Amino acid sequence: MSATPPDTGQQAALNGAPAREVSIAAVPHAAVSLRTEAPPRRLGLALAVIATAQLMVVLDTTIVNVALPHIQTALGFSGTNLEWVVNAYALTFGGLLLLGGRSGDLLGRRRVFIAGILLFSLASLLGGFATSQAWLLTARVVQGAGGAFAAPTALALIAVTFPEGPPRNRAMGVYSGMSVAGGAVGLLAGGLLVTYLSWRWVFFVNVPIGLAVALAAPRVLGESERRHGRLDLPGAITGSLGLAALVYGLSNAATGPNGVSHWGDTKVIASLAAAAVLLVTFGIIEVRSKHALMPLRVLRSRDRSGSYLVSLCIGTALFGMFFFLTLFVQTVWGYSALRTGVAYLPMAGMILVASAAASQLVSRIGARPLMIAGSVLGAGGMFWLSRVTEHSHYASGMLGPTLLTATGLGLLFVPLSLVSLTKVADNDAGVASSLLNVGQQVGGALGLAVLGTVAWTAVANSLRSQATAAAAAAKTATVHLSAAQTAALQKAAAHHALASGFSKGYIVAAAIMALALVITLVTIRVTREDLSGVNPTAAPAG
């Protein structure tokens, strides 16, 4: 099996740059080779296509959240049903990621990538024209399916398009920057579109971008060869349903703003129990299947398994941080949706800068030092964020902590993505990529459940203690407050409760990032030599 991506020679000839191969090792029945030259113009365009697609998929996580109040008014969603505008996408996306990654391995990554982008774009168009709740929710389900096929194949395409070493490191830097900064950019884009156009444009904006990506992809991305084998249908069904049930159960388990816990709700217990049964069944099927959806050899590498656990921790901490910080600045500080998006811009910029730095440093110092530094900085930034109060200012309360957190995330994601694909067989690159996405998606649901339970419980306790103290003070008061004064005190109490409760959530997020540090120290042993000079897609997994 050649280390050179398919059609390398053809691409080089088309661009006037000869491809040169140097034999570096011998593997039974195959010659391993390394491409040492590549057409930079085509690689640059390929990276632009992949990064734009990733940004579009990641943006959807936050851009729609900004428009939720407007969607609720326009289509008459109840508070309970409104959450399905988010959950419908999250459940489908999370449930189909493994299937999407494996489909790329079997059917051709470029083919599946383009199909996913077109499906996502079509669903976005339909969502923008929605006139009923069922119409919009159906569009969100289809959007999630498109994203689940596009996201893992995008990362896998980097592995088979860019030669290992500086070219791939730079590509991973851009990809990782888009992946992390996309959430913050989505808040700004959502604020602009909702403020100056309509909520429908948070969907319409995907259409021209998706079409441009789909049209450019065949021209700049090589197609991986289709592989013999059939799709593991029992594994696809049990794995997809198991992940969807897990995401659904965690999404509904958190304590609500009223302080009522939902971990004991029948639907939560039933969905988490179903997830456990389905995922155990999925594991048994994968052990016995000759055409496994998720070959267990992918998990035999301690480095790779460790990267997936770190990805889970990052998703848990990051999603919860974004959710509560956004709610805090809008509710307590009174920021508009647009101003909130602008407030996140420095964080997005710092992620891009740190990712670029990491892509240059990883070949010099290795992945482990960067992941250790990133975990420490991320944990420090989230702990600093826990010091924010209702009286804090933007510079000290939000800007400083988010810049520190962003630096850590930027340093983490590049080596994390590289480690997850190091020494993985070419025919497993798609499923290896999808597992990294699964970690982030499940981590996001877990983060909202765990951080939500801690934060909202603390908010409810603070409100109760303040109400008790106020009632006691009222009994001994000699001067009665006016209605306006009473309302002002109640508002101040609510803001203090939110600041106090969310602070507890940020402390939990910092602890989770500290757990990522421990996992890195214990599991990550990949060397600089593993990340440069040898194409991992030519080496056996594990």
Protein backbone atom coordinates (compact mmCIF):
# COMPACT_ATOMS: atom_id res chain seq x y z
CA MET A 1 0.00 0.00 0.00
CA SER A 2 1.47 3.31 -1.03
CA ALA A 3 1.84 6.17 1.39
CA THR A 4 1.18 8.54 -1.46
CA PRO A 5 -2.50 9.58 -1.61
CA PRO A 6 -4.44 8.31 -4.64
CA ASP A 7 -3.96 10.24 -7.85
CA THR A 8 -0.86 12.03 -6.51
CA GLY A 9 0.98 11.64 -9.79
CA GLN A 10 -1.98 12.83 -11.80
CA GLN A 11 -2.46 15.87 -9.58
CA ALA A 12 1.22 16.74 -9.78
CA ALA A 13 1.22 16.47 -13.55
CA LEU A 14 -1.83 18.68 -13.82
CA ASN A 15 -0.07 21.36 -11.78
CA GLY A 16 3.29 21.10 -13.43
CA ALA A 17 5.03 19.83 -10.30
CA PRO A 18 6.46 16.32 -10.47
CA ALA A 19 5.74 13.99 -7.60
CA ARG A 20 8.82 12.25 -6.22
CA GLU A 21 8.66 9.16 -3.99
CA VAL A 22 11.37 7.85 -1.69
CA SER A 23 11.12 4.33 -0.40
CA ILE A 24 11.51 4.23 3.37
CA ALA A 25 10.48 0.80 4.56
CA ALA A 26 9.27 -2.57 3.51
CA VAL A 27 5.94 -3.99 4.55
CA PRO A 28 4.78 -7.47 3.54
CA HIS A 29 2.99 -7.40 0.17
CA ALA A 30 3.37 -3.62 -0.10
CA ALA A 31 5.98 -0.97 -0.64
CA VAL A 32 5.79 2.03 1.65
CA SER A 33 6.73 5.34 0.10
CA LEU A 34 6.72 9.00 1.00
CA ARG A 35 5.82 11.88 -1.24
CA THR A 36 8.40 14.59 -0.78
CA GLU A 37 7.01 17.17 -3.17
CA ALA A 38 3.42 18.34 -3.70
CA PRO A 39 1.76 21.04 -5.71
CA PRO A 40 1.39 23.87 -3.19
CA ARG A 41 -1.31 25.67 -5.13
CA ARG A 42 -3.59 22.63 -5.17
CA LEU A 43 -2.87 21.78 -1.53
CA GLY A 44 -3.72 25.35 -0.55
CA LEU A 45 -7.05 25.16 -2.35
CA ALA A 46 -7.72 21.73 -0.88
CA LEU A 47 -7.15 23.11 2.61
CA ALA A 48 -9.45 26.05 1.89
CA VAL A 49 -12.23 23.67 0.82
CA ILE A 50 -11.84 21.37 3.84
CA ALA A 51 -11.54 24.22 6.36
CA THR A 52 -14.57 26.05 4.93
CA ALA A 53 -16.67 22.91 5.15
CA GLN A 54 -15.59 22.31 8.74
CA LEU A 55 -16.33 25.91 9.68
CA MET A 56 -19.82 25.67 8.16
CA VAL A 57 -20.66 22.55 10.15
CA VAL A 58 -19.21 23.92 13.42
CA LEU A 59 -20.92 27.31 12.98
CA ASP A 60 -24.30 25.62 13.03
CA THR A 61 -23.87 24.68 16.68
CA THR A 62 -24.01 28.29 17.87
CA ILE A 63 -25.44 30.32 14.99
CA VAL A 64 -28.87 28.72 15.42
CA ASN A 65 -28.82 29.24 19.20
CA VAL A 66 -28.72 33.01 18.68
CA ALA A 67 -31.86 32.83 16.52
CA LEU A 68 -33.90 30.62 18.87
CA PRO A 69 -36.05 33.42 20.40
CA HIS A 70 -36.93 34.67 16.91
CA ILE A 71 -37.70 31.14 15.69
CA GLN A 72 -39.94 30.60 18.72
CA THR A 73 -41.94 33.75 17.94
CA ALA A 74 -42.21 33.08 14.20
CA LEU A 75 -43.24 29.41 14.35
CA GLY A 76 -44.96 29.31 17.74
CA PHE A 77 -42.67 26.86 19.52
CA SER A 78 -43.34 26.22 23.20
CA GLY A 79 -40.39 26.41 25.57
CA THR A 80 -40.21 22.61 25.70
CA ASN A 81 -40.47 22.09 21.96
CA LEU A 82 -37.97 24.84 21.17
CA GLU A 83 -35.09 22.77 22.53
CA TRP A 84 -35.75 20.27 19.75
CA VAL A 85 -34.49 22.80 17.21
CA VAL A 86 -31.09 22.12 18.80
CA ASN A 87 -31.60 18.50 19.87
CA ALA A 88 -32.86 17.29 16.47
CA TYR A 89 -29.55 18.30 14.92
CA ALA A 90 -27.39 17.13 17.84
CA LEU A 91 -28.98 13.67 18.06
CA THR A 92 -28.71 12.96 14.34
CA PHE A 93 -25.19 14.37 14.07
CA GLY A 94 -23.90 12.47 17.10
CA GLY A 95 -25.67 9.24 16.20
CA LEU A 96 -24.44 9.03 12.60
CA LEU A 97 -20.80 10.12 13.01
CA LEU A 98 -19.38 6.59 13.08
CA LEU A 99 -21.45 5.61 10.06
CA GLY A 100 -20.32 8.75 8.23
CA GLY A 101 -16.65 8.09 8.90
CA ARG A 102 -16.83 4.43 7.91
CA SER A 103 -18.81 5.21 4.75
CA GLY A 104 -15.95 7.43 3.62
CA ASP A 105 -13.48 4.59 4.17
CA LEU A 106 -15.54 2.20 2.04
CA LEU A 107 -17.16 4.37 -0.62
CA GLY A 108 -14.53 7.06 -1.14
CA ARG A 109 -13.93 10.04 1.14
CA ARG A 110 -14.32 12.79 -1.42
CA ARG A 111 -17.56 11.26 -2.65
CA VAL A 112 -19.04 11.00 0.86
CA PHE A 113 -17.70 14.45 1.80
CA ILE A 114 -19.45 16.10 -1.16
CA ALA A 115 -22.66 14.16 -0.53
CA GLY A 116 -22.66 15.29 3.11
CA ILE A 117 -22.07 18.94 2.19
CA LEU A 118 -24.84 18.91 -0.44
CA LEU A 119 -27.26 17.25 1.98
CA PHE A 120 -26.39 19.81 4.66
CA SER A 121 -26.88 22.67 2.19
CA LEU A 122 -30.22 21.34 0.92
CA ALA A 123 -31.49 20.92 4.48
CA SER A 124 -30.36 24.47 5.27
CA LEU A 125 -32.34 25.78 2.30
CA LEU A 126 -35.44 23.89 3.40
CA GLY A 127 -34.99 25.08 6.99
CA GLY A 128 -34.82 28.69 5.88
CA PHE A 129 -38.17 28.35 4.11
CA ALA A 130 -39.86 26.54 7.03
CA THR A 131 -43.39 27.64 7.84
CA SER A 132 -44.16 25.06 10.53
CA GLN A 133 -42.47 23.40 13.46
CA ALA A 134 -42.46 19.94 11.87
CA TRP A 135 -40.93 21.35 8.68
CA LEU A 136 -38.07 23.02 10.54
CA LEU A 137 -37.38 20.01 12.79
CA THR A 138 -37.27 17.69 9.77
CA ALA A 139 -34.77 20.03 8.11
CA ARG A 140 -32.64 19.99 11.26
CA VAL A 141 -32.58 16.18 11.28
CA VAL A 142 -31.41 16.13 7.66
CA GLN A 143 -28.84 18.84 8.46
CA GLY A 144 -27.44 16.65 11.23
CA ALA A 145 -27.17 13.71 8.86
CA GLY A 146 -25.29 15.80 6.31
CA GLY A 147 -22.93 17.14 8.96
CA ALA A 148 -22.27 13.62 10.28
CA PHE A 149 -21.04 12.50 6.86
CA ALA A 150 -19.09 15.67 6.07
CA ALA A 151 -17.23 16.26 9.36
CA PRO A 152 -15.28 12.98 9.80
CA THR A 153 -14.44 12.71 6.09
CA ALA A 154 -13.07 16.28 6.16
CA LEU A 155 -10.51 15.33 8.81
CA ALA A 156 -9.72 12.06 7.05
CA LEU A 157 -9.15 13.96 3.79
CA ILE A 158 -6.42 15.98 5.51
CA ALA A 159 -4.69 12.74 6.51
CA VAL A 160 -4.63 11.38 2.97
CA THR A 161 -4.12 14.67 1.11
CA PHE A 162 -1.27 16.33 3.02
CA PRO A 163 2.11 14.61 3.44
CA GLU A 164 3.18 14.10 7.02
CA GLY A 165 5.38 16.73 8.57
CA PRO A 166 5.11 20.52 8.15
CA PRO A 167 2.45 20.43 5.37
CA ARG A 168 0.08 18.30 7.42
CA ASN A 169 0.87 20.21 10.61
CA ARG A 170 -0.04 23.49 8.93
CA ALA A 171 -3.23 21.97 7.55
CA MET A 172 -4.15 20.68 11.00
CA GLY A 173 -3.48 24.14 12.43
CA VAL A 174 -6.03 25.71 10.09
CA TYR A 175 -8.52 22.86 10.54
CA SER A 176 -8.24 22.95 14.34
CA GLY A 177 -8.54 26.73 14.42
CA MET A 178 -11.76 26.54 12.42
CA SER A 179 -13.09 23.74 14.62
CA VAL A 180 -12.65 25.62 17.88
CA ALA A 181 -13.09 29.23 16.77
CA GLY A 182 -16.17 28.35 14.73
CA GLY A 183 -18.37 28.40 17.81
CA ALA A 184 -17.40 31.98 18.64
CA VAL A 185 -17.69 33.08 15.02
CA GLY A 186 -21.17 31.53 14.93
CA LEU A 187 -22.33 33.80 17.74
CA LEU A 188 -21.17 36.88 15.84
CA ALA A 189 -22.59 35.70 12.51
CA GLY A 190 -25.89 34.78 14.16
CA GLY A 191 -26.11 38.18 15.83
CA LEU A 192 -25.45 40.01 12.55
CA LEU A 193 -27.92 37.94 10.54
CA VAL A 194 -30.72 38.12 13.11
CA THR A 195 -30.19 41.85 13.74
CA TYR A 196 -29.98 43.03 10.14
CA LEU A 197 -31.79 40.34 8.12
CA SER A 198 -33.92 37.53 9.57
CA TRP A 199 -33.64 34.32 11.55
CA ARG A 200 -34.11 32.49 8.24
CA TRP A 201 -30.67 33.65 7.12
CA VAL A 202 -28.91 31.56 9.77
CA PHE A 203 -29.96 28.68 7.48
CA PHE A 204 -29.77 30.37 4.08
CA VAL A 205 -26.15 31.45 4.66
CA ASN A 206 -25.05 27.81 4.41
CA VAL A 207 -26.40 27.33 0.90
CA PRO A 208 -23.94 29.38 -1.22
CA ILE A 209 -21.03 28.27 0.97
CA GLY A 210 -21.99 24.61 0.67
CA LEU A 211 -22.46 24.81 -3.10
CA ALA A 212 -19.08 26.50 -3.54
CA VAL A 213 -17.39 23.78 -1.48
CA ALA A 214 -19.17 20.99 -3.36
CA LEU A 215 -18.21 22.47 -6.74
CA ALA A 216 -14.57 23.04 -5.78
CA ALA A 217 -13.99 19.69 -4.05
CA PRO A 218 -13.71 17.50 -7.19
CA ARG A 219 -11.17 19.91 -8.63
CA VAL A 220 -8.80 20.08 -5.67
CA LEU A 221 -9.33 16.89 -3.65
CA GLY A 222 -8.21 13.46 -4.77
CA GLU A 223 -10.58 10.54 -4.37
CA SER A 224 -9.61 7.63 -2.14
CA GLU A 225 -10.15 4.27 -3.74
CA ARG A 226 -13.30 2.35 -2.97
CA ARG A 227 -12.58 -0.66 -0.81
CA HIS A 228 -14.00 -4.13 -0.95
CA GLY A 229 -16.29 -5.06 1.88
CA ARG A 230 -19.80 -4.43 3.01
CA LEU A 231 -21.22 -2.04 5.55
CA ASP A 232 -21.71 -3.43 9.04
CA LEU A 233 -25.48 -2.86 9.17
CA PRO A 234 -26.11 -4.34 12.66
CA GLY A 235 -23.21 -2.27 14.01
CA ALA A 236 -24.45 0.85 12.22
CA ILE A 237 -27.94 0.48 13.69
CA THR A 238 -26.89 -0.30 17.27
CA GLY A 239 -24.02 2.22 17.27
CA SER A 240 -26.07 5.07 15.81
CA LEU A 241 -29.08 4.46 18.05
CA GLY A 242 -26.85 3.98 21.09
CA LEU A 243 -25.01 7.27 20.56
CA ALA A 244 -28.28 9.11 19.84
CA ALA A 245 -29.86 7.71 23.02
CA LEU A 246 -26.78 8.69 25.04
CA VAL A 247 -26.79 12.26 23.69
CA TYR A 248 -30.56 12.54 24.25
CA GLY A 249 -30.39 11.25 27.82
CA LEU A 250 -27.53 13.54 28.79
CA SER A 251 -29.15 16.54 27.08
CA ASN A 252 -32.28 16.13 29.17
CA ALA A 253 -30.67 15.12 32.46
CA ALA A 254 -29.38 18.46 33.72
CA THR A 255 -31.00 20.35 36.55
CA GLY A 256 -33.12 23.16 35.09
CA PRO A 257 -33.06 26.90 35.88
CA ASN A 258 -35.75 26.25 38.49
CA GLY A 259 -33.37 24.01 40.41
CA VAL A 260 -35.32 20.82 39.68
CA SER A 261 -33.11 17.84 38.83
CA HIS A 262 -34.08 15.66 35.88
CA TRP A 263 -31.58 12.86 36.39
CA GLY A 264 -34.38 10.75 37.87
CA ASP A 265 -36.90 11.45 35.10
CA THR A 266 -38.28 8.36 33.41
CA LYS A 267 -37.25 9.48 29.92
CA VAL A 268 -33.69 10.17 31.08
CA ILE A 269 -33.29 6.84 32.86
CA ALA A 270 -34.88 4.98 29.94
CA SER A 271 -32.69 6.66 27.31
CA LEU A 272 -29.46 6.18 29.28
CA ALA A 273 -30.35 2.53 29.97
CA ALA A 274 -31.15 2.00 26.30
CA ALA A 275 -27.86 3.65 25.37
CA ALA A 276 -25.96 1.30 27.68
CA VAL A 277 -27.66 -1.79 26.22
CA LEU A 278 -27.24 -0.65 22.62
CA LEU A 279 -23.59 0.35 23.01
CA VAL A 280 -22.70 -2.92 24.77
CA THR A 281 -24.45 -4.79 21.96
CA PHE A 282 -22.55 -2.65 19.47
CA GLY A 283 -19.26 -3.62 21.13
CA ILE A 284 -20.10 -7.33 20.96
CA ILE A 285 -21.03 -7.01 17.28
CA GLU A 286 -17.80 -5.19 16.49
CA VAL A 287 -15.69 -7.87 18.14
CA ARG A 288 -17.30 -10.59 16.01
CA SER A 289 -17.86 -8.73 12.74
CA LYS A 290 -15.51 -9.25 9.78
CA HIS A 291 -16.56 -5.84 8.41
CA ALA A 292 -16.76 -3.88 11.66
CA LEU A 293 -18.10 -0.33 11.58
CA MET A 294 -15.52 0.53 14.25
CA PRO A 295 -12.61 -1.93 14.06
CA LEU A 296 -11.21 -2.42 17.55
CA ARG A 297 -7.68 -2.19 16.15
CA VAL A 298 -8.25 1.56 15.95
CA LEU A 299 -8.41 1.69 19.77
CA ARG A 300 -5.38 -0.49 20.45
CA SER A 301 -3.02 2.46 20.32
CA ARG A 302 -2.71 4.03 23.77
CA ASP A 303 -1.89 7.38 22.19
CA ARG A 304 -4.96 7.31 19.95
CA SER A 305 -7.33 6.18 22.72
CA GLY A 306 -5.88 8.85 24.97
CA SER A 307 -6.55 11.50 22.31
CA TYR A 308 -10.20 10.45 22.16
CA LEU A 309 -10.53 10.76 25.95
CA VAL A 310 -8.91 14.21 25.87
CA SER A 311 -11.35 15.17 23.10
CA LEU A 312 -14.21 14.07 25.34
CA CYS A 313 -12.89 16.25 28.18
CA ILE A 314 -12.49 19.29 25.92
CA GLY A 315 -16.01 18.93 24.55
CA THR A 316 -17.40 18.60 28.09
CA ALA A 317 -15.64 21.70 29.38
CA LEU A 318 -15.91 23.88 26.27
CA PHE A 319 -19.59 23.44 25.41
CA GLY A 320 -20.64 24.11 28.99
CA MET A 321 -18.39 27.19 29.18
CA PHE A 322 -19.81 28.68 25.97
CA PHE A 323 -23.41 28.04 27.05
CA PHE A 324 -23.18 29.59 30.51
CA LEU A 325 -20.89 32.46 29.58
CA THR A 326 -23.19 33.49 26.72
CA LEU A 327 -26.23 33.30 28.99
CA PHE A 328 -24.40 35.28 31.66
CA VAL A 329 -23.28 38.22 29.52
CA GLN A 330 -26.72 38.54 27.92
CA THR A 331 -28.78 38.15 31.09
CA VAL A 332 -26.58 39.79 33.72
CA TRP A 333 -24.49 42.25 31.72
CA GLY A 334 -27.32 43.00 29.30
CA TYR A 335 -25.38 42.32 26.09
CA SER A 336 -27.31 42.01 22.85
CA ALA A 337 -26.77 38.98 20.60
CA LEU A 338 -24.57 41.06 18.31
CA ARG A 339 -22.50 42.51 21.13
CA THR A 340 -22.06 39.03 22.58
CA GLY A 341 -20.65 37.82 19.27
CA VAL A 342 -18.25 40.75 19.10
CA ALA A 343 -17.13 40.02 22.67
CA TYR A 344 -16.04 36.54 21.57
CA LEU A 345 -13.97 37.77 18.61
CA PRO A 346 -10.68 38.10 20.55
CA MET A 347 -11.10 34.53 21.74
CA ALA A 348 -11.62 33.30 18.18
CA GLY A 349 -8.58 35.25 17.00
CA MET A 350 -6.38 33.88 19.77
CA ILE A 351 -7.43 30.31 18.95
CA LEU A 352 -6.31 30.82 15.36
CA VAL A 353 -2.99 32.35 16.46
CA ALA A 354 -2.30 29.56 18.98
CA SER A 355 -3.27 26.89 16.43
CA ALA A 356 -0.85 28.37 13.91
CA ALA A 357 1.90 28.40 16.53
CA ALA A 358 1.14 24.81 17.50
CA SER A 359 1.34 23.67 13.86
CA GLN A 360 4.90 25.06 13.72
CA LEU A 361 5.99 23.78 17.12
CA VAL A 362 4.61 20.25 17.00
CA SER A 363 7.32 18.97 14.65
CA ARG A 364 10.02 20.57 16.83
CA ILE A 365 8.98 19.65 20.35
CA GLY A 366 6.36 16.95 19.78
CA ALA A 367 2.68 16.60 20.64
CA ARG A 368 2.95 15.80 24.35
CA PRO A 369 4.49 19.10 25.56
CA LEU A 370 1.90 21.09 23.60
CA MET A 371 -0.99 19.02 24.96
CA ILE A 372 0.32 19.41 28.50
CA ALA A 373 0.72 23.17 28.12
CA GLY A 374 -2.69 23.48 26.44
CA SER A 375 -4.44 21.54 29.21
CA VAL A 376 -2.80 23.66 31.92
CA LEU A 377 -3.68 26.95 30.20
CA GLY A 378 -7.22 25.81 29.45
CA ALA A 379 -7.79 24.78 33.06
CA GLY A 380 -6.29 28.07 34.29
CA GLY A 381 -8.48 30.12 31.99
CA MET A 382 -11.66 28.39 33.09
CA PHE A 383 -10.72 28.73 36.75
CA TRP A 384 -10.07 32.44 36.18
CA LEU A 385 -13.50 32.65 34.59
CA SER A 386 -15.02 31.28 37.80
CA ARG A 387 -13.99 34.55 39.50
CA VAL A 388 -16.42 36.59 37.38
CA THR A 389 -19.24 38.38 39.24
CA GLU A 390 -22.20 40.52 38.29
CA HIS A 391 -19.99 43.56 38.97
CA SER A 392 -17.07 42.44 36.77
CA HIS A 393 -16.08 44.30 33.64
CA TYR A 394 -15.43 42.84 30.19
CA ALA A 395 -11.64 43.23 30.26
CA SER A 396 -11.08 41.47 33.58
CA GLY A 397 -14.18 39.30 33.75
CA MET A 398 -14.32 37.89 30.24
CA LEU A 399 -11.50 39.02 27.96
CA GLY A 400 -8.58 37.85 30.08
CA PRO A 401 -9.99 34.40 30.97
CA THR A 402 -11.20 33.66 27.44
CA LEU A 403 -7.86 34.66 25.89
CA LEU A 404 -6.02 32.32 28.26
CA THR A 405 -8.50 29.53 27.57
CA ALA A 406 -8.23 30.16 23.83
CA THR A 407 -4.45 29.88 23.95
CA GLY A 408 -4.76 26.50 25.64
CA LEU A 409 -7.36 25.24 23.19
CA GLY A 410 -5.32 26.34 20.20
CA LEU A 411 -2.25 24.52 21.51
CA LEU A 412 -4.31 21.41 22.24
CA PHE A 413 -6.30 20.82 19.09
CA VAL A 414 -3.49 20.59 16.53
CA PRO A 415 -1.49 17.84 18.30
CA LEU A 416 -4.74 16.18 19.39
CA SER A 417 -5.91 15.84 15.79
CA LEU A 418 -2.49 14.62 14.65
CA VAL A 419 -2.21 12.02 17.40
CA SER A 420 -5.69 10.68 16.65
CA LEU A 421 -4.56 9.85 13.08
CA THR A 422 -0.95 8.84 13.69
CA LYS A 423 -0.12 5.31 12.54
CA VAL A 424 -3.73 4.58 11.63
CA ALA A 425 -4.21 2.46 8.52
CA ASP A 426 -5.48 4.28 5.44
CA ASN A 427 -8.66 2.19 5.35
CA ASP A 428 -9.42 3.21 8.97
CA ALA A 429 -8.75 6.95 8.68
CA GLY A 430 -12.45 7.82 8.38
CA VAL A 431 -13.58 5.94 11.46
CA ALA A 432 -10.56 7.21 13.42
CA SER A 433 -11.57 10.76 12.49
CA SER A 434 -15.19 10.14 13.41
CA LEU A 435 -14.22 8.96 16.90
CA LEU A 436 -12.56 12.32 17.55
CA ASN A 437 -15.83 14.03 16.55
CA VAL A 438 -17.86 11.59 18.66
CA GLY A 439 -15.78 12.50 21.70
CA GLN A 440 -16.52 16.19 21.22
CA GLN A 441 -20.23 15.64 20.54
CA VAL A 442 -20.83 13.32 23.49
CA GLY A 443 -18.63 15.60 25.59
CA GLY A 444 -20.82 18.57 24.68
CA ALA A 445 -23.96 16.79 25.86
CA LEU A 446 -22.17 15.57 28.98
CA GLY A 447 -20.88 19.07 29.70
CA LEU A 448 -24.33 20.64 29.58
CA ALA A 449 -25.66 17.85 31.80
CA VAL A 450 -22.92 17.93 34.44
CA LEU A 451 -22.15 21.65 34.43
CA GLY A 452 -25.87 22.43 34.14
CA THR A 453 -26.67 20.32 37.17
CA VAL A 454 -23.95 21.96 39.26
CA ALA A 455 -24.64 25.51 38.05
CA TRP A 456 -28.44 25.55 38.22
CA THR A 457 -28.47 23.78 41.61
CA ALA A 458 -26.15 26.48 42.96
CA VAL A 459 -28.34 29.21 41.38
CA ALA A 460 -31.47 27.78 43.02
CA ASN A 461 -29.73 27.46 46.40
CA SER A 462 -28.50 31.06 46.19
CA LEU A 463 -31.97 32.37 45.38
CA ARG A 464 -33.48 30.45 48.29
CA SER A 465 -30.89 31.69 50.76
CA GLN A 466 -31.30 35.29 49.57
CA ALA A 467 -35.08 35.01 49.78
CA THR A 468 -34.85 33.67 53.31
CA ALA A 469 -32.51 36.47 54.34
CA ALA A 470 -34.76 39.08 52.70
CA ALA A 471 -37.84 37.72 54.45
CA ALA A 472 -36.08 37.84 57.81
CA ALA A 473 -34.92 41.40 57.17
CA ALA A 474 -38.42 42.48 56.15
CA LYS A 475 -39.85 41.41 59.50
CA THR A 476 -37.57 43.79 61.40
CA ALA A 477 -37.54 46.60 58.84
CA THR A 478 -39.00 49.97 59.90
CA VAL A 479 -39.15 51.35 56.36
CA HIS A 480 -41.13 49.61 53.65
CA LEU A 481 -39.68 49.47 50.14
CA SER A 482 -41.53 50.72 47.10
CA ALA A 483 -42.48 48.36 44.28
CA ALA A 484 -39.62 49.70 42.14
CA GLN A 485 -37.09 49.19 44.94
CA THR A 486 -38.37 45.67 45.56
CA ALA A 487 -38.08 44.82 41.85
CA ALA A 488 -34.55 46.21 41.76
CA LEU A 489 -33.54 44.08 44.75
CA GLN A 490 -35.06 40.98 43.18
CA LYS A 491 -33.19 41.64 39.93
CA ALA A 492 -29.92 42.12 41.83
CA ALA A 493 -30.53 38.89 43.73
CA ALA A 494 -31.16 37.00 40.48
CA HIS A 495 -27.98 38.36 38.91
CA HIS A 496 -25.94 37.45 41.99
CA ALA A 497 -27.41 33.95 41.97
CA LEU A 498 -26.52 33.47 38.30
CA ALA A 499 -22.96 34.71 38.86
CA SER A 500 -22.53 32.49 41.90
CA GLY A 501 -24.04 29.41 40.28
CA PHE A 502 -22.22 29.73 36.98
CA SER A 503 -18.98 30.21 38.88
CA LYS A 504 -19.42 26.70 40.29
CA GLY A 505 -19.94 25.41 36.77
CA TYR A 506 -16.69 27.01 35.56
CA ILE A 507 -14.81 25.38 38.44
CA VAL A 508 -16.11 21.99 37.29
CA ALA A 509 -15.03 22.86 33.71
CA ALA A 510 -11.54 23.69 35.02
CA ALA A 511 -11.43 20.35 36.86
CA ILE A 512 -12.36 18.54 33.63
CA MET A 513 -9.52 20.29 31.80
CA ALA A 514 -7.24 19.20 34.63
CA LEU A 515 -8.45 15.65 33.99
CA ALA A 516 -7.41 16.11 30.35
CA LEU A 517 -3.93 16.97 31.65
CA VAL A 518 -3.81 13.75 33.69
CA ILE A 519 -4.93 11.68 30.69
CA THR A 520 -2.26 13.33 28.55
CA LEU A 521 0.47 12.58 31.09
CA VAL A 522 -0.60 8.94 31.40
CA THR A 523 -1.40 7.99 27.80
CA ILE A 524 0.37 10.24 25.30
CA ARG A 525 3.81 8.90 24.36
CA VAL A 526 3.93 9.74 20.65
CA THR A 527 7.30 11.13 19.58
CA ARG A 528 8.35 13.84 17.14
CA GLU A 529 9.54 11.13 14.78
CA ASP A 530 6.03 9.63 14.77
CA LEU A 531 4.64 12.93 13.52
CA SER A 532 7.17 13.59 10.77
CA GLY A 533 8.86 11.67 8.02
CA VAL A 534 6.60 8.62 7.87
CA ASN A 535 3.09 8.73 6.49
CA PRO A 536 0.90 7.14 9.19
CA THR A 537 -1.62 5.96 6.62
CA ALA A 538 0.99 3.49 5.42
CA ALA A 539 1.54 1.95 8.83
CA PRO A 540 -0.63 -0.68 10.50
CA ALA A 541 -3.05 0.58 13.12
CA GLY A 542 -2.16 0.29 16.77
